[in-house]
Structures are given as structure tokens and as C-alpha cells.
Amino acid sequence: MGMTGRISNPSFIPKLESLGNDDSYPPPHTHLILRSNGYEAAYSDPRKFGAVTLSNNLTLFDDLATDALDPLDANIFVGQKRSIKVILLDQKAVVSGVGNWVADEVFYQSQIHPEQKYLTLREGETLLGKLQHILQTAVLCLNKNEEFPKEWIFHRRWDKKRHKKEVIKDHVGRSISFITAGGRSSAIVKLCQKLKKRHPPDKNDKNELKECVMESANEGIYIKI
């Protein structure tokens, strides 16, 4: 779907932030319309980041990771040396179906910095819980044609252009900063999303391994020994 791709039919047209309240059908920038047995669906994408492949071979999707709404184990986020945003946005690594704004919302609600590495088990469990809750809520809101919850940072992350002229704040008045993480623009609240310095311990250093075990008792294991 890329960043702005969407699939519509004559009775349902998903809203698109960049196109405002335009609800005409077929939507602007439609590239493909499929019709069969009285049903119809249109694929549109104003920015042309998406792609369409027609195939009767289901193995076409084998390269994709597990969908983010499928049953997942929080350990897949634990102890990774890559930043967590890079991991979430890689459709072939751990999960698929997570876009840039979804990742920002997950980190904001989890109070995790998008460039954090070596997540603890507790952080992984929090992230997984928030990820699936946000996706479930977003799907429900879209199906009902309702706005996302007002406390989401989603509503303010689009104000990046205004950030140079005024302070952008979240729903409780905390300042929002815009950084580049994982090669993408990211909206964060530095007050609660702090980047923690961590590194994998030396497996041959007994003292460091002992410290790791002690920390795991308080926060959860963040490395694999």
C-alpha cells in the first residue's frame, strides 16, 4: 500500500489525510479497478509508492514476516542490536503491516525511544500489547468512519512544518520533537521517550553476566545468553 495507497469500493472510501474530505469514487489517482460478479474495487495511490501484483501463487507472500495482528511472542523484540524502529518498519524481519505513523504511535504509547536497542522483556511485552491495541483500534475506527482517539500523537505528528514556528504539544501539554530514526521522520516526546544506553554483555565476563541477571530480575531479560 505504500504510504498513501488505499483500496476503495463504491460504498466505502477510506479517508486519506493528504486528500482531505474528498470522497468521490473512483478516488483521485486511481491506477487499477477490479470488477467481478457485480463487485468492484479500486486501487489508488497519489504518491505512487505502492505496487500491485496479480498472481494465483500464494507463495508470493512468503517473504513477508508475520502480520502484526497475528499471535506473536514478545521475545521477538528482545535483545535486538538494531534499533526498534528499523525492526518494526522492516516488512521481512519480525512483523509486517506496520507503517511509519503506526510505529510512532506505538513508541509514544509505550514510552520507548524509536532508536532504542536491546529492549528488555518488559519493554517487548509493552510494545507488543500497544502495537496490537493500536492496530485493532485503528481498524475499528476506519470501519466506523470515526476519528482515532484524541489522545493519540497521530493527530499532531502531521504538524511538523509548523514545528519551526511554534512548539507542538501532545494532548497533555508535553513538547513534541521531530527526529530522524530508522531513516524516517519520527515524532517523539523526549520527556517520556528517553534513549537508554545499552550494549550486549561479554559472555566471558562473569561480573557483567551477573549484572545482566540482576537487571533481568527488575526489568526483564534484554539479551539472549
C-alpha atoms as a PDB file:
ATOM      1  CA  MET A   1       0.000   0.000   0.000  1.00  0.00           C
ATOM      2  CA  GLY A   2       2.971   2.337   0.343  1.00  0.00           C
ATOM      3  CA  MET A   3       2.342   5.483   2.392  1.00  0.00           C
ATOM      4  CA  THR A   4      -0.838   6.671   0.695  1.00  0.00           C
ATOM      5  CA  GLY A   5      -2.208   3.665  -1.178  1.00  0.00           C
ATOM      6  CA  ARG A   6      -5.791   2.601  -0.483  1.00  0.00           C
ATOM      7  CA  ILE A   7      -8.403   0.187  -1.771  1.00  0.00           C
ATOM      8  CA  SER A   8     -11.931   1.527  -2.158  1.00  0.00           C
ATOM      9  CA  ASN A   9     -15.303   0.363  -3.436  1.00  0.00           C
ATOM     10  CA  PRO A  10     -18.396   2.371  -4.412  1.00  0.00           C
ATOM     11  CA  SER A  11     -19.837   2.114  -0.877  1.00  0.00           C
ATOM     12  CA  PHE A  12     -16.654   2.621   1.166  1.00  0.00           C
ATOM     13  CA  ILE A  13     -13.776   5.012   0.544  1.00  0.00           C
ATOM     14  CA  PRO A  14     -11.087   5.171   3.274  1.00  0.00           C
ATOM     15  CA  LYS A  15     -10.135   8.706   4.249  1.00  0.00           C
ATOM     16  CA  LEU A  16      -6.714   9.976   3.296  1.00  0.00           C
ATOM     17  CA  GLU A  17      -5.091  12.790   5.288  1.00  0.00           C
ATOM     18  CA  SER A  18      -3.384  14.328   2.247  1.00  0.00           C
ATOM     19  CA  LEU A  19      -6.642  14.497   0.247  1.00  0.00           C
ATOM     20  CA  GLY A  20      -8.839  15.965   2.950  1.00  0.00           C
ATOM     21  CA  ASN A  21     -12.520  15.074   2.715  1.00  0.00           C
ATOM     22  CA  ASP A  22     -12.571  14.059  -0.934  1.00  0.00           C
ATOM     23  CA  ASP A  23     -14.916  11.043  -1.059  1.00  0.00           C
ATOM     24  CA  SER A  24     -15.508  10.767  -4.796  1.00  0.00           C
ATOM     25  CA  TYR A  25     -15.403   7.362  -6.490  1.00  0.00           C
ATOM     26  CA  PRO A  26     -13.223   6.211  -8.026  1.00  0.00           C
ATOM     27  CA  PRO A  27     -10.817   8.209  -5.831  1.00  0.00           C
ATOM     28  CA  PRO A  28      -8.266  10.584  -7.390  1.00  0.00           C
ATOM     29  CA  HIS A  29      -5.098   8.874  -8.611  1.00  0.00           C
ATOM     30  CA  THR A  30      -6.786   5.519  -9.213  1.00  0.00           C
ATOM     31  CA  HIS A  31      -4.492   3.205 -11.192  1.00  0.00           C
ATOM     32  CA  LEU A  32      -6.471  -0.047 -11.218  1.00  0.00           C
ATOM     33  CA  ILE A  33     -10.113  -1.086 -10.967  1.00  0.00           C
ATOM     34  CA  LEU A  34     -11.061  -4.753 -10.485  1.00  0.00           C
ATOM     35  CA  ARG A  35     -14.598  -5.945 -11.325  1.00  0.00           C
ATOM     36  CA  SER A  36     -16.050  -9.408 -10.818  1.00  0.00           C
ATOM     37  CA  ASN A  37     -19.597 -10.751 -10.436  1.00  0.00           C
ATOM     38  CA  GLY A  38     -21.083  -7.345  -9.731  1.00  0.00           C
ATOM     39  CA  TYR A  39     -18.401  -6.342  -7.213  1.00  0.00           C
ATOM     40  CA  GLU A  40     -15.819  -3.648  -7.731  1.00  0.00           C
ATOM     41  CA  ALA A  41     -12.637  -2.387  -6.026  1.00  0.00           C
ATOM     42  CA  ALA A  42     -10.295   0.441  -6.975  1.00  0.00           C
ATOM     43  CA  TYR A  43      -6.630   0.817  -6.058  1.00  0.00           C
ATOM     44  CA  SER A  44      -5.387   4.419  -5.830  1.00  0.00           C
ATOM     45  CA  ASP A  45      -2.135   6.000  -4.703  1.00  0.00           C
ATOM     46  CA  PRO A  46      -1.292   9.707  -5.206  1.00  0.00           C
ATOM     47  CA  ARG A  47       2.386   9.238  -4.313  1.00  0.00           C
ATOM     48  CA  LYS A  48       2.969   6.045  -6.320  1.00  0.00           C
ATOM     49  CA  PHE A  49       4.899   4.311  -3.520  1.00  0.00           C
ATOM     50  CA  GLY A  50       2.720   1.221  -3.613  1.00  0.00           C
ATOM     51  CA  ALA A  51       2.619  -1.626  -6.097  1.00  0.00           C
ATOM     52  CA  VAL A  52       0.184  -4.209  -7.449  1.00  0.00           C
ATOM     53  CA  THR A  53       0.996  -7.783  -8.395  1.00  0.00           C
ATOM     54  CA  LEU A  54      -1.532 -10.189  -9.850  1.00  0.00           C
ATOM     55  CA  SER A  55      -0.799 -13.841  -9.155  1.00  0.00           C
ATOM     56  CA  ASN A  56      -2.541 -17.111  -8.325  1.00  0.00           C
ATOM     57  CA  ASN A  57       0.532 -18.278  -6.411  1.00  0.00           C
ATOM     58  CA  LEU A  58       0.079 -17.815  -2.668  1.00  0.00           C
ATOM     59  CA  THR A  59       3.823 -18.260  -2.075  1.00  0.00           C
ATOM     60  CA  LEU A  60       4.104 -14.694  -3.365  1.00  0.00           C
ATOM     61  CA  PHE A  61       3.708 -13.586   0.277  1.00  0.00           C
ATOM     62  CA  ASP A  62       6.212 -15.997   1.788  1.00  0.00           C
ATOM     63  CA  ASP A  63       8.858 -13.276   2.021  1.00  0.00           C
ATOM     64  CA  LEU A  64       6.684 -11.207   4.351  1.00  0.00           C
ATOM     65  CA  ALA A  65       7.022 -11.556   8.107  1.00  0.00           C
ATOM     66  CA  THR A  66       4.077 -12.478  10.339  1.00  0.00           C
ATOM     67  CA  ASP A  67       1.269  -9.941  10.260  1.00  0.00           C
ATOM     68  CA  ALA A  68       1.325  -7.609  13.258  1.00  0.00           C
ATOM     69  CA  LEU A  69      -2.182  -8.674  14.288  1.00  0.00           C
ATOM     70  CA  ASP A  70      -1.368 -12.384  14.265  1.00  0.00           C
ATOM     71  CA  PRO A  71      -0.351 -14.124  17.519  1.00  0.00           C
ATOM     72  CA  LEU A  72       3.195 -13.001  18.356  1.00  0.00           C
ATOM     73  CA  ASP A  73       5.746 -13.633  21.091  1.00  0.00           C
ATOM     74  CA  ALA A  74       7.175 -10.502  22.748  1.00  0.00           C
ATOM     75  CA  ASN A  75      10.613 -12.126  22.721  1.00  0.00           C
ATOM     76  CA  ILE A  76      10.922 -11.276  19.026  1.00  0.00           C
ATOM     77  CA  PHE A  77      11.589  -7.674  20.086  1.00  0.00           C
ATOM     78  CA  VAL A  78      14.036  -8.545  22.870  1.00  0.00           C
ATOM     79  CA  GLY A  79      17.815  -8.272  22.635  1.00  0.00           C
ATOM     80  CA  GLN A  80      17.938  -6.937  19.076  1.00  0.00           C
ATOM     81  CA  LYS A  81      21.064  -4.939  18.190  1.00  0.00           C
ATOM     82  CA  ARG A  82      19.178  -2.962  15.538  1.00  0.00           C
ATOM     83  CA  SER A  83      17.028  -0.017  16.634  1.00  0.00           C
ATOM     84  CA  ILE A  84      13.437  -0.969  17.305  1.00  0.00           C
ATOM     85  CA  LYS A  85      12.071   1.365  14.618  1.00  0.00           C
ATOM     86  CA  VAL A  86      14.237  -0.231  11.951  1.00  0.00           C
ATOM     87  CA  ILE A  87      12.888  -3.596  13.055  1.00  0.00           C
ATOM     88  CA  LEU A  88       9.228  -2.570  13.028  1.00  0.00           C
ATOM     89  CA  LEU A  89       9.442  -0.971   9.594  1.00  0.00           C
ATOM     90  CA  ASP A  90      11.187  -3.956   8.005  1.00  0.00           C
ATOM     91  CA  GLN A  91       8.313  -5.954   6.490  1.00  0.00           C
ATOM     92  CA  LYS A  92      10.516  -9.054   6.204  1.00  0.00           C
ATOM     93  CA  ALA A  93      12.217  -9.070   9.597  1.00  0.00           C
ATOM     94  CA  VAL A  94       9.836  -9.586  12.516  1.00  0.00           C
ATOM     95  CA  VAL A  95       6.378  -8.242  11.663  1.00  0.00           C
ATOM     96  CA  SER A  96       4.639  -6.855   8.585  1.00  0.00           C
ATOM     97  CA  GLY A  97       1.908  -4.268   8.278  1.00  0.00           C
ATOM     98  CA  VAL A  98       3.471  -1.515  10.413  1.00  0.00           C
ATOM     99  CA  GLY A  99       3.780   1.884   8.748  1.00  0.00           C
ATOM    100  CA  ASN A 100       5.657   4.964   9.928  1.00  0.00           C
ATOM    101  CA  TRP A 101       2.815   6.641  11.815  1.00  0.00           C
ATOM    102  CA  VAL A 102       1.815   3.353  13.456  1.00  0.00           C
ATOM    103  CA  ALA A 103       5.386   2.846  14.689  1.00  0.00           C
ATOM    104  CA  ASP A 104       5.491   6.396  16.101  1.00  0.00           C
ATOM    105  CA  GLU A 105       2.198   5.833  17.905  1.00  0.00           C
ATOM    106  CA  VAL A 106       3.399   2.526  19.356  1.00  0.00           C
ATOM    107  CA  PHE A 107       6.625   4.050  20.687  1.00  0.00           C
ATOM    108  CA  TYR A 108       4.773   7.077  22.069  1.00  0.00           C
ATOM    109  CA  GLN A 109       2.228   4.981  23.958  1.00  0.00           C
ATOM    110  CA  SER A 110       4.919   2.504  25.074  1.00  0.00           C
ATOM    111  CA  GLN A 111       7.246   5.364  26.134  1.00  0.00           C
ATOM    112  CA  ILE A 112      10.086   3.832  24.139  1.00  0.00           C
ATOM    113  CA  HIS A 113      12.570   5.800  22.040  1.00  0.00           C
ATOM    114  CA  PRO A 114      12.436   4.719  18.366  1.00  0.00           C
ATOM    115  CA  GLU A 115      16.242   4.328  18.269  1.00  0.00           C
ATOM    116  CA  GLN A 116      16.345   2.105  21.356  1.00  0.00           C
ATOM    117  CA  LYS A 117      18.313  -1.131  21.055  1.00  0.00           C
ATOM    118  CA  TYR A 118      18.402  -4.260  23.243  1.00  0.00           C
ATOM    119  CA  LEU A 119      14.851  -3.997  24.582  1.00  0.00           C
ATOM    120  CA  THR A 120      14.053  -5.722  27.864  1.00  0.00           C
ATOM    121  CA  LEU A 121      11.376  -8.388  28.010  1.00  0.00           C
ATOM    122  CA  ARG A 122       9.097  -5.975  29.840  1.00  0.00           C
ATOM    123  CA  GLU A 123       9.561  -3.379  27.105  1.00  0.00           C
ATOM    124  CA  GLY A 124       8.928  -6.023  24.456  1.00  0.00           C
ATOM    125  CA  GLU A 125       5.680  -7.074  26.128  1.00  0.00           C
ATOM    126  CA  THR A 126       4.554  -3.445  26.447  1.00  0.00           C
ATOM    127  CA  LEU A 127       5.407  -2.740  22.813  1.00  0.00           C
ATOM    128  CA  LEU A 128       3.563  -5.822  21.546  1.00  0.00           C
ATOM    129  CA  GLY A 129       0.487  -5.008  23.612  1.00  0.00           C
ATOM    130  CA  LYS A 130       0.388  -1.415  22.386  1.00  0.00           C
ATOM    131  CA  LEU A 131       1.072  -2.429  18.780  1.00  0.00           C
ATOM    132  CA  GLN A 132      -1.872  -4.788  18.568  1.00  0.00           C
ATOM    133  CA  HIS A 133      -4.185  -2.485  20.549  1.00  0.00           C
ATOM    134  CA  ILE A 134      -3.389   0.459  18.247  1.00  0.00           C
ATOM    135  CA  LEU A 135      -3.924  -1.591  15.085  1.00  0.00           C
ATOM    136  CA  GLN A 136      -7.195  -3.056  16.374  1.00  0.00           C
ATOM    137  CA  THR A 137      -8.422   0.400  17.385  1.00  0.00           C
ATOM    138  CA  ALA A 138      -7.374   1.931  14.048  1.00  0.00           C
ATOM    139  CA  VAL A 139      -9.161  -0.767  12.036  1.00  0.00           C
ATOM    140  CA  LEU A 140     -12.310  -0.359  14.144  1.00  0.00           C
ATOM    141  CA  CYS A 141     -12.274   3.432  13.741  1.00  0.00           C
ATOM    142  CA  LEU A 142     -11.746   3.184   9.979  1.00  0.00           C
ATOM    143  CA  ASN A 143     -14.588   0.678   9.625  1.00  0.00           C
ATOM    144  CA  LYS A 144     -16.896   3.013  11.556  1.00  0.00           C
ATOM    145  CA  ASN A 145     -15.574   6.110   9.765  1.00  0.00           C
ATOM    146  CA  GLU A 146     -14.577   7.602  13.132  1.00  0.00           C
ATOM    147  CA  GLU A 147     -11.576   9.658  14.213  1.00  0.00           C
ATOM    148  CA  PHE A 148      -8.745   7.986  16.100  1.00  0.00           C
ATOM    149  CA  PRO A 149      -8.679   8.614  19.891  1.00  0.00           C
ATOM    150  CA  LYS A 150      -7.919  12.280  20.603  1.00  0.00           C
ATOM    151  CA  GLU A 151      -5.017  11.409  22.933  1.00  0.00           C
ATOM    152  CA  TRP A 152      -3.015   9.788  20.115  1.00  0.00           C
ATOM    153  CA  ILE A 153       0.090  11.587  18.899  1.00  0.00           C
ATOM    154  CA  PHE A 154      -1.190  10.744  15.412  1.00  0.00           C
ATOM    155  CA  HIS A 155      -3.182  13.993  15.397  1.00  0.00           C
ATOM    156  CA  ARG A 156      -0.097  16.156  15.984  1.00  0.00           C
ATOM    157  CA  ARG A 157       2.659  14.364  14.079  1.00  0.00           C
ATOM    158  CA  TRP A 158       1.451  15.979  10.845  1.00  0.00           C
ATOM    159  CA  ASP A 159       2.293  19.430  12.279  1.00  0.00           C
ATOM    160  CA  LYS A 160       5.999  19.061  11.512  1.00  0.00           C
ATOM    161  CA  LYS A 161       6.008  22.081   9.184  1.00  0.00           C
ATOM    162  CA  ARG A 162       4.659  24.259  11.995  1.00  0.00           C
ATOM    163  CA  HIS A 163       7.325  22.967  14.383  1.00  0.00           C
ATOM    164  CA  LYS A 164       9.866  25.575  13.221  1.00  0.00           C
ATOM    165  CA  LYS A 165       7.494  28.410  14.137  1.00  0.00           C
ATOM    166  CA  GLU A 166       5.824  27.136  17.297  1.00  0.00           C
ATOM    167  CA  VAL A 167       6.042  24.414  19.928  1.00  0.00           C
ATOM    168  CA  ILE A 168       3.895  21.402  19.080  1.00  0.00           C
ATOM    169  CA  LYS A 169       2.486  19.623  22.150  1.00  0.00           C
ATOM    170  CA  ASP A 170       0.711  16.353  22.831  1.00  0.00           C
ATOM    171  CA  HIS A 171      -2.709  16.094  24.477  1.00  0.00           C
ATOM    172  CA  VAL A 172      -1.306  16.683  27.988  1.00  0.00           C
ATOM    173  CA  GLY A 173       0.950  19.592  27.031  1.00  0.00           C
ATOM    174  CA  ARG A 174       4.311  17.843  26.561  1.00  0.00           C
ATOM    175  CA  SER A 175       6.523  19.163  23.752  1.00  0.00           C
ATOM    176  CA  ILE A 176       6.794  17.016  20.625  1.00  0.00           C
ATOM    177  CA  SER A 177      10.126  16.780  18.814  1.00  0.00           C
ATOM    178  CA  PHE A 178      10.764  15.592  15.280  1.00  0.00           C
ATOM    179  CA  ILE A 179      13.833  13.451  14.664  1.00  0.00           C
ATOM    180  CA  THR A 180      15.059  11.018  12.030  1.00  0.00           C
ATOM    181  CA  ALA A 181      15.011   7.405  13.219  1.00  0.00           C
ATOM    182  CA  GLY A 182      15.335   4.340  11.056  1.00  0.00           C
ATOM    183  CA  GLY A 183      15.753   6.648   8.087  1.00  0.00           C
ATOM    184  CA  ARG A 184      12.268   8.095   8.608  1.00  0.00           C
ATOM    185  CA  SER A 185      10.846  11.212  10.200  1.00  0.00           C
ATOM    186  CA  SER A 186       9.684  10.409  13.725  1.00  0.00           C
ATOM    187  CA  ALA A 187       7.579  12.327  16.238  1.00  0.00           C
ATOM    188  CA  ILE A 188       8.561  11.755  19.866  1.00  0.00           C
ATOM    189  CA  VAL A 189       8.050  13.265  23.321  1.00  0.00           C
ATOM    190  CA  LYS A 190      11.554  13.409  24.771  1.00  0.00           C
ATOM    191  CA  LEU A 191      10.213  13.841  28.291  1.00  0.00           C
ATOM    192  CA  CYS A 192       8.925  10.265  28.379  1.00  0.00           C
ATOM    193  CA  GLN A 193      10.739   8.598  25.457  1.00  0.00           C
ATOM    194  CA  LYS A 194      14.321   8.528  26.659  1.00  0.00           C
ATOM    195  CA  LEU A 195      17.076   6.740  24.757  1.00  0.00           C
ATOM    196  CA  LYS A 196      18.853   4.338  27.141  1.00  0.00           C
ATOM    197  CA  LYS A 197      22.456   3.364  26.538  1.00  0.00           C
ATOM    198  CA  ARG A 198      22.761  -0.411  26.405  1.00  0.00           C
ATOM    199  CA  HIS A 199      25.166  -2.914  24.958  1.00  0.00           C
ATOM    200  CA  PRO A 200      25.299  -6.712  24.841  1.00  0.00           C
ATOM    201  CA  PRO A 201      27.409  -8.078  27.694  1.00  0.00           C
ATOM    202  CA  ASP A 202      30.588 -10.018  27.186  1.00  0.00           C
ATOM    203  CA  LYS A 203      29.560 -13.658  27.660  1.00  0.00           C
ATOM    204  CA  ASN A 204      33.013 -14.404  29.048  1.00  0.00           C
ATOM    205  CA  ASP A 205      32.777 -11.675  31.690  1.00  0.00           C
ATOM    206  CA  LYS A 206      31.168 -13.278  34.743  1.00  0.00           C
ATOM    207  CA  ASN A 207      30.684  -9.946  36.501  1.00  0.00           C
ATOM    208  CA  GLU A 208      28.859  -8.481  33.530  1.00  0.00           C
ATOM    209  CA  LEU A 209      26.694 -11.576  33.203  1.00  0.00           C
ATOM    210  CA  LYS A 210      25.840 -11.310  36.893  1.00  0.00           C
ATOM    211  CA  GLU A 211      24.785  -7.683  36.381  1.00  0.00           C
ATOM    212  CA  CYS A 212      22.624  -8.789  33.471  1.00  0.00           C
ATOM    213  CA  VAL A 213      20.846 -11.391  35.610  1.00  0.00           C
ATOM    214  CA  MET A 214      20.273  -8.816  38.352  1.00  0.00           C
ATOM    215  CA  GLU A 215      18.822  -6.358  35.849  1.00  0.00           C
ATOM    216  CA  SER A 216      16.618  -9.042  34.327  1.00  0.00           C
ATOM    217  CA  ALA A 217      15.025  -9.575  37.748  1.00  0.00           C
ATOM    218  CA  ASN A 218      13.920  -5.940  37.737  1.00  0.00           C
ATOM    219  CA  GLU A 219      13.247  -5.203  34.078  1.00  0.00           C
ATOM    220  CA  GLY A 220      13.193  -8.475  32.187  1.00  0.00           C
ATOM    221  CA  ILE A 221      15.928 -10.077  30.134  1.00  0.00           C
ATOM    222  CA  TYR A 222      17.072  -7.823  27.316  1.00  0.00           C
ATOM    223  CA  ILE A 223      19.738 -10.036  25.823  1.00  0.00           C
ATOM    224  CA  LYS A 224      19.963 -13.669  24.845  1.00  0.00           C
ATOM    225  CA  ILE A 225      22.722 -15.556  26.670  1.00  0.00           C
END
